[in-house]
C-alpha atoms as a PDB file:
ATOM      1  CA  UNK A   1    -154.456  27.151 163.008  1.00  0.00           C
ATOM      2  CA  UNK A   2    -158.228  27.006 162.952  1.00  0.00           C
ATOM      3  CA  UNK A   3    -159.897  24.668 165.408  1.00  0.00           C
ATOM      4  CA  UNK A   4    -163.162  22.717 165.203  1.00  0.00           C
ATOM      5  CA  UNK A   5    -164.858  25.446 167.220  1.00  0.00           C
ATOM      6  CA  UNK A   6    -163.661  28.049 164.784  1.00  0.00           C
ATOM      7  CA  UNK A   7    -165.180  26.047 161.902  1.00  0.00           C
ATOM      8  CA  UNK A   8    -168.518  25.761 163.733  1.00  0.00           C
ATOM      9  CA  UNK A   9    -168.662  29.382 165.010  1.00  0.00           C
ATOM     10  CA  UNK A  10    -166.833  30.824 162.070  1.00  0.00           C
ATOM     11  CA  UNK A  11    -163.424  32.220 161.879  1.00  0.00           C
ATOM     12  CA  UNK A  12    -163.082  35.584 163.444  1.00  0.00           C
ATOM     13  CA  UNK A  13    -161.500  37.077 160.391  1.00  0.00           C
ATOM     14  CA  UNK A  14    -164.542  36.366 158.132  1.00  0.00           C
ATOM     15  CA  UNK A  15    -167.696  35.712 160.144  1.00  0.00           C
ATOM     16  CA  UNK A  16    -167.154  36.997 163.616  1.00  0.00           C
ATOM     17  CA  UNK A  17    -168.127  40.474 164.760  1.00  0.00           C
ATOM     18  CA  UNK A  18    -167.338  41.805 168.200  1.00  0.00           C
ATOM     19  CA  UNK A  19    -169.840  43.597 170.347  1.00  0.00           C
ATOM     20  CA  UNK A  20    -167.809  46.762 170.119  1.00  0.00           C
ATOM     21  CA  UNK A  21    -168.082  46.767 166.334  1.00  0.00           C
ATOM     22  CA  UNK A  22    -171.837  46.229 166.539  1.00  0.00           C
ATOM     23  CA  UNK A  23    -172.212  49.157 168.861  1.00  0.00           C
ATOM     24  CA  UNK A  24    -170.143  51.345 166.549  1.00  0.00           C
ATOM     25  CA  UNK A  25    -172.368  50.429 163.630  1.00  0.00           C
ATOM     26  CA  UNK A  26    -175.514  51.187 165.577  1.00  0.00           C
ATOM     27  CA  UNK A  27    -174.122  54.595 166.587  1.00  0.00           C
ATOM     28  CA  UNK A  28    -173.250  55.463 162.990  1.00  0.00           C
ATOM     29  CA  UNK A  29    -176.721  54.419 161.782  1.00  0.00           C
ATOM     30  CA  UNK A  30    -178.435  56.508 164.403  1.00  0.00           C
ATOM     31  CA  UNK A  31    -176.271  59.500 163.497  1.00  0.00           C
ATOM     32  CA  UNK A  32    -177.202  59.220 159.837  1.00  0.00           C
ATOM     33  CA  UNK A  33    -180.914  58.921 160.627  1.00  0.00           C
ATOM     34  CA  UNK A  34    -180.692  62.006 162.807  1.00  0.00           C
ATOM     35  CA  UNK A  35    -179.039  63.917 160.000  1.00  0.00           C
ATOM     36  CA  UNK A  36    -181.794  62.875 157.609  1.00  0.00           C
ATOM     37  CA  UNK A  37    -184.463  64.048 160.010  1.00  0.00           C
ATOM     38  CA  UNK A  38    -182.830  67.415 160.264  1.00  0.00           C
ATOM     39  CA  UNK A  39    -182.872  67.717 156.462  1.00  0.00           C
ATOM     40  CA  UNK A  40    -186.566  66.741 156.325  1.00  0.00           C
ATOM     41  CA  UNK A  41    -185.998  63.452 154.539  1.00  0.00           C
ATOM     42  CA  UNK A  42    -187.953  60.367 155.446  1.00  0.00           C
ATOM     43  CA  UNK A  43    -185.752  57.584 156.770  1.00  0.00           C
ATOM     44  CA  UNK A  44    -185.242  54.711 154.371  1.00  0.00           C
ATOM     45  CA  UNK A  45    -186.764  56.541 151.338  1.00  0.00           C
ATOM     46  CA  UNK A  46    -185.219  58.241 148.321  1.00  0.00           C
ATOM     47  CA  UNK A  47    -186.735  60.780 145.861  1.00  0.00           C
ATOM     48  CA  UNK A  48    -188.071  59.189 142.594  1.00  0.00           C
ATOM     49  CA  UNK A  49    -186.287  60.013 139.345  1.00  0.00           C
ATOM     50  CA  UNK A  50    -187.839  62.771 137.181  1.00  0.00           C
ATOM     51  CA  UNK A  51    -189.884  61.465 134.251  1.00  0.00           C
ATOM     52  CA  UNK A  52    -189.042  63.032 130.925  1.00  0.00           C
ATOM     53  CA  UNK A  53    -191.904  64.730 129.039  1.00  0.00           C
ATOM     54  CA  UNK A  54    -192.824  63.115 125.624  1.00  0.00           C
ATOM     55  CA  UNK A  55    -191.903  65.432 122.782  1.00  0.00           C
ATOM     56  CA  UNK A  56    -193.563  63.655 119.837  1.00  0.00           C
ATOM     57  CA  UNK A  57    -191.067  60.863 119.278  1.00  0.00           C
ATOM     58  CA  UNK A  58    -190.555  57.634 121.045  1.00  0.00           C
ATOM     59  CA  UNK A  59    -187.946  54.895 121.030  1.00  0.00           C
ATOM     60  CA  UNK A  60    -188.220  51.299 122.051  1.00  0.00           C
ATOM     61  CA  UNK A  61    -192.027  51.628 122.412  1.00  0.00           C
ATOM     62  CA  UNK A  62    -194.555  48.849 122.165  1.00  0.00           C
ATOM     63  CA  UNK A  63    -196.951  48.195 119.222  1.00  0.00           C
ATOM     64  CA  UNK A  64    -199.475  50.795 120.428  1.00  0.00           C
ATOM     65  CA  UNK A  65    -196.828  53.484 120.529  1.00  0.00           C
ATOM     66  CA  UNK A  66    -195.622  52.647 117.030  1.00  0.00           C
ATOM     67  CA  UNK A  67    -199.197  52.793 115.663  1.00  0.00           C
ATOM     68  CA  UNK A  68    -199.813  56.194 117.260  1.00  0.00           C
ATOM     69  CA  UNK A  69    -196.571  57.552 115.876  1.00  0.00           C
ATOM     70  CA  UNK A  70    -197.499  56.288 112.381  1.00  0.00           C
ATOM     71  CA  UNK A  71    -201.001  57.771 112.574  1.00  0.00           C
ATOM     72  CA  UNK A  72    -199.559  61.124 113.599  1.00  0.00           C
ATOM     73  CA  UNK A  73    -197.068  60.983 110.732  1.00  0.00           C
ATOM     74  CA  UNK A  74    -199.833  60.285 108.184  1.00  0.00           C
ATOM     75  CA  UNK A  75    -201.928  63.098 109.622  1.00  0.00           C
ATOM     76  CA  UNK A  76    -199.096  65.579 109.187  1.00  0.00           C
ATOM     77  CA  UNK A  77    -198.462  64.266 105.673  1.00  0.00           C
ATOM     78  CA  UNK A  78    -202.131  64.720 104.662  1.00  0.00           C
ATOM     79  CA  UNK A  79    -202.213  68.214 106.114  1.00  0.00           C
ATOM     80  CA  UNK A  80    -199.105  69.138 104.113  1.00  0.00           C
ATOM     81  CA  UNK A  81    -200.638  67.741 100.929  1.00  0.00           C
ATOM     82  CA  UNK A  82    -203.880  69.650 101.425  1.00  0.00           C
ATOM     83  CA  UNK A  83    -201.931  72.843 102.063  1.00  0.00           C
ATOM     84  CA  UNK A  84    -199.910  72.369  98.868  1.00  0.00           C
ATOM     85  CA  UNK A  85    -203.101  71.712  96.890  1.00  0.00           C
ATOM     86  CA  UNK A  86    -204.750  74.866  98.190  1.00  0.00           C
ATOM     87  CA  UNK A  87    -201.665  76.867  97.283  1.00  0.00           C
ATOM     88  CA  UNK A  88    -201.613  75.395  93.783  1.00  0.00           C
ATOM     89  CA  UNK A  89    -205.302  76.216  93.202  1.00  0.00           C
ATOM     90  CA  UNK A  90    -204.822  79.774  94.396  1.00  0.00           C
ATOM     91  CA  UNK A  91    -201.864  80.189  92.046  1.00  0.00           C
ATOM     92  CA  UNK A  92    -203.869  78.863  89.086  1.00  0.00           C
ATOM     93  CA  UNK A  93    -206.718  81.272  89.819  1.00  0.00           C
ATOM     94  CA  UNK A  94    -204.254  84.127  89.986  1.00  0.00           C
ATOM     95  CA  UNK A  95    -202.686  83.185  86.666  1.00  0.00           C
ATOM     96  CA  UNK A  96    -206.091  82.732  85.014  1.00  0.00           C
ATOM     97  CA  UNK A  97    -207.113  86.204  86.010  1.00  0.00           C
ATOM     98  CA  UNK A  98    -203.843  87.836  85.043  1.00  0.00           C
ATOM     99  CA  UNK A  99    -202.912  86.071  81.775  1.00  0.00           C
ATOM    100  CA  UNK A 100    -203.857  87.919  78.586  1.00  0.00           C
ATOM    101  CA  UNK A 101    -203.162  86.860  75.042  1.00  0.00           C
ATOM    102  CA  UNK A 102    -200.794  88.852  72.871  1.00  0.00           C
ATOM    103  CA  UNK A 103    -203.608  89.531  70.399  1.00  0.00           C
ATOM    104  CA  UNK A 104    -205.829  91.002  73.139  1.00  0.00           C
ATOM    105  CA  UNK A 105    -202.976  93.230  74.250  1.00  0.00           C
ATOM    106  CA  UNK A 106    -202.415  94.415  70.666  1.00  0.00           C
ATOM    107  CA  UNK A 107    -206.134  95.132  70.269  1.00  0.00           C
ATOM    108  CA  UNK A 108    -206.273  97.192  73.447  1.00  0.00           C
ATOM    109  CA  UNK A 109    -203.145  99.086  72.491  1.00  0.00           C
ATOM    110  CA  UNK A 110    -204.456  99.733  68.973  1.00  0.00           C
ATOM    111  CA  UNK A 111    -207.831 100.879  70.313  1.00  0.00           C
ATOM    112  CA  UNK A 112    -206.067 103.513  72.371  1.00  0.00           C
ATOM    113  CA  UNK A 113    -203.605 104.652  69.720  1.00  0.00           C
ATOM    114  CA  UNK A 114    -205.332 104.055  66.366  1.00  0.00           C
ATOM    115  CA  UNK A 115    -209.042 103.087  66.049  1.00  0.00           C
ATOM    116  CA  UNK A 116    -208.579 102.139  62.375  1.00  0.00           C
ATOM    117  CA  UNK A 117    -205.868  99.638  63.293  1.00  0.00           C
ATOM    118  CA  UNK A 118    -208.125  98.194  66.000  1.00  0.00           C
ATOM    119  CA  UNK A 119    -210.780  97.552  63.342  1.00  0.00           C
ATOM    120  CA  UNK A 120    -208.240  95.681  61.222  1.00  0.00           C
ATOM    121  CA  UNK A 121    -207.465  93.415  64.174  1.00  0.00           C
ATOM    122  CA  UNK A 122    -211.097  92.384  64.592  1.00  0.00           C
ATOM    123  CA  UNK A 123    -212.010  88.688  64.290  1.00  0.00           C
ATOM    124  CA  UNK A 124    -214.010  89.208  61.097  1.00  0.00           C
ATOM    125  CA  UNK A 125    -211.115  90.880  59.308  1.00  0.00           C
ATOM    126  CA  UNK A 126    -208.617  88.247  60.463  1.00  0.00           C
ATOM    127  CA  UNK A 127    -210.807  85.379  59.204  1.00  0.00           C
ATOM    128  CA  UNK A 128    -211.234  87.094  55.851  1.00  0.00           C
ATOM    129  CA  UNK A 129    -207.494  87.694  55.567  1.00  0.00           C
ATOM    130  CA  UNK A 130    -206.766  84.089  56.478  1.00  0.00           C
ATOM    131  CA  UNK A 131    -209.107  82.843  53.728  1.00  0.00           C
ATOM    132  CA  UNK A 132    -207.446  85.086  51.178  1.00  0.00           C
ATOM    133  CA  UNK A 133    -203.927  83.982  52.088  1.00  0.00           C
ATOM    134  CA  UNK A 134    -204.826  80.275  51.993  1.00  0.00           C
ATOM    135  CA  UNK A 135    -206.470  80.665  48.607  1.00  0.00           C
ATOM    136  CA  UNK A 136    -203.375  82.429  47.294  1.00  0.00           C
ATOM    137  CA  UNK A 137    -201.173  79.629  48.557  1.00  0.00           C
ATOM    138  CA  UNK A 138    -203.357  76.996  46.907  1.00  0.00           C
ATOM    139  CA  UNK A 139    -203.350  78.918  43.642  1.00  0.00           C
ATOM    140  CA  UNK A 140    -199.575  79.094  43.689  1.00  0.00           C
ATOM    141  CA  UNK A 141    -199.494  75.333  44.160  1.00  0.00           C
ATOM    142  CA  UNK A 142    -202.290  74.306  41.801  1.00  0.00           C
ATOM    143  CA  UNK A 143    -202.052  77.148  39.224  1.00  0.00           C
ATOM    144  CA  UNK A 144    -205.134  78.749  37.660  1.00  0.00           C
ATOM    145  CA  UNK A 145    -205.416  76.613  34.503  1.00  0.00           C
ATOM    146  CA  UNK A 146    -208.662  74.648  34.337  1.00  0.00           C
ATOM    147  CA  UNK A 147    -209.763  71.844  32.037  1.00  0.00           C
ATOM    148  CA  UNK A 148    -212.857  69.983  33.249  1.00  0.00           C
ATOM    149  CA  UNK A 149    -213.186  67.521  30.314  1.00  0.00           C
ATOM    150  CA  UNK A 150    -211.585  64.252  29.229  1.00  0.00           C
ATOM    151  CA  UNK A 151    -209.427  65.041  26.185  1.00  0.00           C
ATOM    152  CA  UNK A 152    -209.197  62.298  23.509  1.00  0.00           C
ATOM    153  CA  UNK A 153    -205.883  62.441  21.649  1.00  0.00           C
ATOM    154  CA  UNK A 154    -205.845  61.505  17.952  1.00  0.00           C
ATOM    155  CA  UNK A 155    -202.230  60.469  17.375  1.00  0.00           C
ATOM    156  CA  UNK A 156    -198.754  60.256  18.823  1.00  0.00           C
ATOM    157  CA  UNK A 157    -197.915  63.889  18.025  1.00  0.00           C
ATOM    158  CA  UNK A 158    -200.865  65.148  20.048  1.00  0.00           C
ATOM    159  CA  UNK A 159    -199.694  62.824  22.769  1.00  0.00           C
ATOM    160  CA  UNK A 160    -196.297  64.537  22.837  1.00  0.00           C
ATOM    161  CA  UNK A 161    -197.749  68.037  22.553  1.00  0.00           C
ATOM    162  CA  UNK A 162    -200.143  67.383  25.421  1.00  0.00           C
ATOM    163  CA  UNK A 163    -197.087  66.827  27.615  1.00  0.00           C
ATOM    164  CA  UNK A 164    -194.388  69.107  26.275  1.00  0.00           C
ATOM    165  CA  UNK A 165    -196.497  72.187  25.517  1.00  0.00           C
ATOM    166  CA  UNK A 166    -198.335  72.256  28.814  1.00  0.00           C
ATOM    167  CA  UNK A 167    -197.526  74.430  31.832  1.00  0.00           C
ATOM    168  CA  UNK A 168    -194.900  72.835  34.051  1.00  0.00           C
ATOM    169  CA  UNK A 169    -197.132  72.900  37.129  1.00  0.00           C
ATOM    170  CA  UNK A 170    -199.984  70.979  35.429  1.00  0.00           C
ATOM    171  CA  UNK A 171    -200.461  67.321  36.265  1.00  0.00           C
ATOM    172  CA  UNK A 172    -201.241  65.281  33.126  1.00  0.00           C
ATOM    173  CA  UNK A 173    -202.893  61.858  33.321  1.00  0.00           C
ATOM    174  CA  UNK A 174    -203.134  59.892  30.059  1.00  0.00           C
ATOM    175  CA  UNK A 175    -205.185  56.718  29.706  1.00  0.00           C
ATOM    176  CA  UNK A 176    -204.074  54.215  27.044  1.00  0.00           C
ATOM    177  CA  UNK A 177    -207.043  52.008  26.202  1.00  0.00           C
ATOM    178  CA  UNK A 178    -208.537  49.482  23.806  1.00  0.00           C
ATOM    179  CA  UNK A 179    -212.211  49.514  22.849  1.00  0.00           C
ATOM    180  CA  UNK A 180    -212.727  45.777  23.272  1.00  0.00           C
ATOM    181  CA  UNK A 181    -211.461  45.701  26.907  1.00  0.00           C
ATOM    182  CA  UNK A 182    -214.187  46.079  29.546  1.00  0.00           C
ATOM    183  CA  UNK A 183    -211.857  47.627  32.141  1.00  0.00           C
ATOM    184  CA  UNK A 184    -210.783  50.293  29.617  1.00  0.00           C
ATOM    185  CA  UNK A 185    -214.396  51.359  29.066  1.00  0.00           C
ATOM    186  CA  UNK A 186    -214.881  51.574  32.846  1.00  0.00           C
ATOM    187  CA  UNK A 187    -211.708  53.662  33.168  1.00  0.00           C
ATOM    188  CA  UNK A 188    -212.850  56.216  30.583  1.00  0.00           C
ATOM    189  CA  UNK A 189    -216.179  56.552  32.407  1.00  0.00           C
ATOM    190  CA  UNK A 190    -214.363  57.153  35.712  1.00  0.00           C
ATOM    191  CA  UNK A 191    -212.012  59.742  34.224  1.00  0.00           C
ATOM    192  CA  UNK A 192    -214.979  61.706  32.840  1.00  0.00           C
ATOM    193  CA  UNK A 193    -216.181  62.065  36.443  1.00  0.00           C
ATOM    194  CA  UNK A 194    -212.790  62.830  37.961  1.00  0.00           C
ATOM    195  CA  UNK A 195    -211.995  65.581  35.457  1.00  0.00           C
ATOM    196  CA  UNK A 196    -214.980  67.516  36.887  1.00  0.00           C
ATOM    197  CA  UNK A 197    -213.656  67.105  40.438  1.00  0.00           C
ATOM    198  CA  UNK A 198    -210.030  67.908  39.583  1.00  0.00           C
ATOM    199  CA  UNK A 199    -210.385  70.736  37.078  1.00  0.00           C
ATOM    200  CA  UNK A 200    -206.711  71.689  37.426  1.00  0.00           C
ATOM    201  CA  UNK A 201    -205.594  68.235  36.273  1.00  0.00           C
ATOM    202  CA  UNK A 202    -205.384  67.473  32.556  1.00  0.00           C
ATOM    203  CA  UNK A 203    -207.048  64.109  31.859  1.00  0.00           C
ATOM    204  CA  UNK A 204    -206.413  62.590  28.420  1.00  0.00           C
ATOM    205  CA  UNK A 205    -207.148  59.295  26.669  1.00  0.00           C
ATOM    206  CA  UNK A 206    -205.642  57.716  23.549  1.00  0.00           C
ATOM    207  CA  UNK A 207    -206.334  54.508  21.677  1.00  0.00           C
ATOM    208  CA  UNK A 208    -203.463  52.045  21.890  1.00  0.00           C
ATOM    209  CA  UNK A 209    -203.080  51.670  18.140  1.00  0.00           C
ATOM    210  CA  UNK A 210    -202.905  55.486  17.692  1.00  0.00           C
ATOM    211  CA  UNK A 211    -200.235  55.761  20.385  1.00  0.00           C
ATOM    212  CA  UNK A 212    -197.966  53.381  18.446  1.00  0.00           C
ATOM    213  CA  UNK A 213    -197.604  50.826  21.250  1.00  0.00           C
ATOM    214  CA  UNK A 214    -196.825  47.154  20.610  1.00  0.00           C
ATOM    215  CA  UNK A 215    -199.420  44.462  20.039  1.00  0.00           C
ATOM    216  CA  UNK A 216    -198.411  42.706  23.275  1.00  0.00           C
ATOM    217  CA  UNK A 217    -198.909  45.894  25.306  1.00  0.00           C
ATOM    218  CA  UNK A 218    -202.345  46.419  23.734  1.00  0.00           C
ATOM    219  CA  UNK A 219    -203.228  42.883  24.797  1.00  0.00           C
ATOM    220  CA  UNK A 220    -201.646  42.636  28.259  1.00  0.00           C
ATOM    221  CA  UNK A 221    -200.939  46.255  29.362  1.00  0.00           C
ATOM    222  CA  UNK A 222    -204.286  48.051  29.186  1.00  0.00           C
ATOM    223  CA  UNK A 223    -205.917  49.823  30.871  1.00  0.00           C
ATOM    224  CA  UNK A 224    -202.805  51.872  31.589  1.00  0.00           C
ATOM    225  CA  UNK A 225    -202.480  55.268  33.252  1.00  0.00           C
ATOM    226  CA  UNK A 226    -199.333  57.334  32.624  1.00  0.00           C
ATOM    227  CA  UNK A 227    -198.867  60.461  34.761  1.00  0.00           C
ATOM    228  CA  UNK A 228    -196.622  63.369  33.733  1.00  0.00           C
ATOM    229  CA  UNK A 229    -195.514  66.643  35.306  1.00  0.00           C
ATOM    230  CA  UNK A 230    -192.945  69.157  34.043  1.00  0.00           C
ATOM    231  CA  UNK A 231    -192.383  66.852  31.051  1.00  0.00           C
ATOM    232  CA  UNK A 232    -191.348  63.915  33.265  1.00  0.00           C
ATOM    233  CA  UNK A 233    -193.073  60.588  33.821  1.00  0.00           C
ATOM    234  CA  UNK A 234    -193.976  60.511  37.547  1.00  0.00           C
ATOM    235  CA  UNK A 235    -196.431  57.609  37.544  1.00  0.00           C
ATOM    236  CA  UNK A 236    -196.851  54.473  35.437  1.00  0.00           C
ATOM    237  CA  UNK A 237    -199.719  52.051  36.166  1.00  0.00           C
ATOM    238  CA  UNK A 238    -200.060  49.146  33.733  1.00  0.00           C
ATOM    239  CA  UNK A 239    -202.959  46.658  33.609  1.00  0.00           C
ATOM    240  CA  UNK A 240    -204.899  48.362  36.399  1.00  0.00           C
ATOM    241  CA  UNK A 241    -207.580  45.676  36.148  1.00  0.00           C
ATOM    242  CA  UNK A 242    -205.278  43.513  38.270  1.00  0.00           C
ATOM    243  CA  UNK A 243    -205.678  45.995  41.133  1.00  0.00           C
ATOM    244  CA  UNK A 244    -209.154  47.404  40.515  1.00  0.00           C
ATOM    245  CA  UNK A 245    -210.915  44.576  38.672  1.00  0.00           C
ATOM    246  CA  UNK A 246    -213.054  45.057  35.590  1.00  0.00           C
ATOM    247  CA  UNK A 247    -215.978  46.847  37.244  1.00  0.00           C
ATOM    248  CA  UNK A 248    -214.783  49.779  39.386  1.00  0.00           C
ATOM    249  CA  UNK A 249    -216.049  53.235  40.323  1.00  0.00           C
ATOM    250  CA  UNK A 250    -214.506  56.741  40.113  1.00  0.00           C
ATOM    251  CA  UNK A 251    -213.835  56.606  43.875  1.00  0.00           C
ATOM    252  CA  UNK A 252    -211.648  53.544  43.326  1.00  0.00           C
ATOM    253  CA  UNK A 253    -209.487  55.269  40.701  1.00  0.00           C
ATOM    254  CA  UNK A 254    -209.344  58.443  42.802  1.00  0.00           C
ATOM    255  CA  UNK A 255    -208.260  56.510  45.897  1.00  0.00           C
ATOM    256  CA  UNK A 256    -205.570  54.686  43.910  1.00  0.00           C
ATOM    257  CA  UNK A 257    -204.069  57.939  42.587  1.00  0.00           C
ATOM    258  CA  UNK A 258    -204.369  59.722  45.949  1.00  0.00           C
ATOM    259  CA  UNK A 259    -202.633  56.816  47.634  1.00  0.00           C
ATOM    260  CA  UNK A 260    -199.660  57.249  45.305  1.00  0.00           C
ATOM    261  CA  UNK A 261    -199.577  61.018  45.848  1.00  0.00           C
ATOM    262  CA  UNK A 262    -200.645  61.925  42.301  1.00  0.00           C
ATOM    263  CA  UNK A 263    -203.988  63.526  43.155  1.00  0.00           C
ATOM    264  CA  UNK A 264    -204.930  65.874  45.972  1.00  0.00           C
ATOM    265  CA  UNK A 265    -206.867  64.319  48.838  1.00  0.00           C
ATOM    266  CA  UNK A 266    -210.008  66.431  48.872  1.00  0.00           C
ATOM    267  CA  UNK A 267    -210.796  65.363  52.442  1.00  0.00           C
ATOM    268  CA  UNK A 268    -207.677  67.273  53.547  1.00  0.00           C
ATOM    269  CA  UNK A 269    -208.798  70.597  52.064  1.00  0.00           C
ATOM    270  CA  UNK A 270    -209.071  73.202  54.865  1.00  0.00           C
ATOM    271  CA  UNK A 271    -212.638  73.825  56.041  1.00  0.00           C
ATOM    272  CA  UNK A 272    -212.012  77.549  55.669  1.00  0.00           C
ATOM    273  CA  UNK A 273    -211.394  77.132  51.922  1.00  0.00           C
ATOM    274  CA  UNK A 274    -214.350  74.765  51.488  1.00  0.00           C
ATOM    275  CA  UNK A 275    -216.653  77.353  53.043  1.00  0.00           C
ATOM    276  CA  UNK A 276    -215.276  80.084  50.819  1.00  0.00           C
ATOM    277  CA  UNK A 277    -215.682  77.945  47.692  1.00  0.00           C
ATOM    278  CA  UNK A 278    -219.256  76.978  48.505  1.00  0.00           C
ATOM    279  CA  UNK A 279    -220.090  80.616  49.224  1.00  0.00           C
ATOM    280  CA  UNK A 280    -218.702  81.782  45.874  1.00  0.00           C
ATOM    281  CA  UNK A 281    -220.572  79.012  44.027  1.00  0.00           C
ATOM    282  CA  UNK A 282    -223.861  80.023  45.595  1.00  0.00           C
ATOM    283  CA  UNK A 283    -223.280  83.637  44.543  1.00  0.00           C
END
């Protein structure tokens, strides 16, 4: 049982150390220091841990470290982009120098094998051949029949013959008119101009009473344009004054028929053919 003295001095089991124990501890400490001296180690010191070398990446760094890592990343990215761009430019230069058109290859081959064939492949010959082929294609489409004048029909039989006895590829435009209608007089004047522009189109005109149409049509239906091809009615425009007015120009009638696909749009004629036509006219 612990006494008051034990409480003040401490119980021997927990806080009390004998002199013999102290001396044993001192002897052990001195022995360890002696061993350290023999090994060359400084008493009470230990060797510092080795610091790892930075290899380009960092973890758990501060803001400055993150910024440096980001700047290095962007630098590498820009260098890669510049390298790819240089490689692309070099490849384009190589292709530009090495690519040769099929026509150039044929010309070189022909020049070696057959000089006459090389002459046929010249630019001048090819342009001439292209003109000829395009003209042939247009002739097949537009035929070679030419008119150039406004044809006034005298009666219904001539009306029928103008349609049925004509070549199937010819476009026929017939104007039904009355003398006392202002728009009819303007239409005849326009058709006289258009027949010079479209010589392959057959432009006709017939008085309403000679065509055998009704009194109401002669009053309310004129000016009327009826368009035929291959014996069939392909266009029927009644009382055109509602669309064009009473005072209109040839360009207005032309635009109306071109819009409905009944006349060729001259602005779409190939430049190659225009040049050939103008050259032949000057000759």
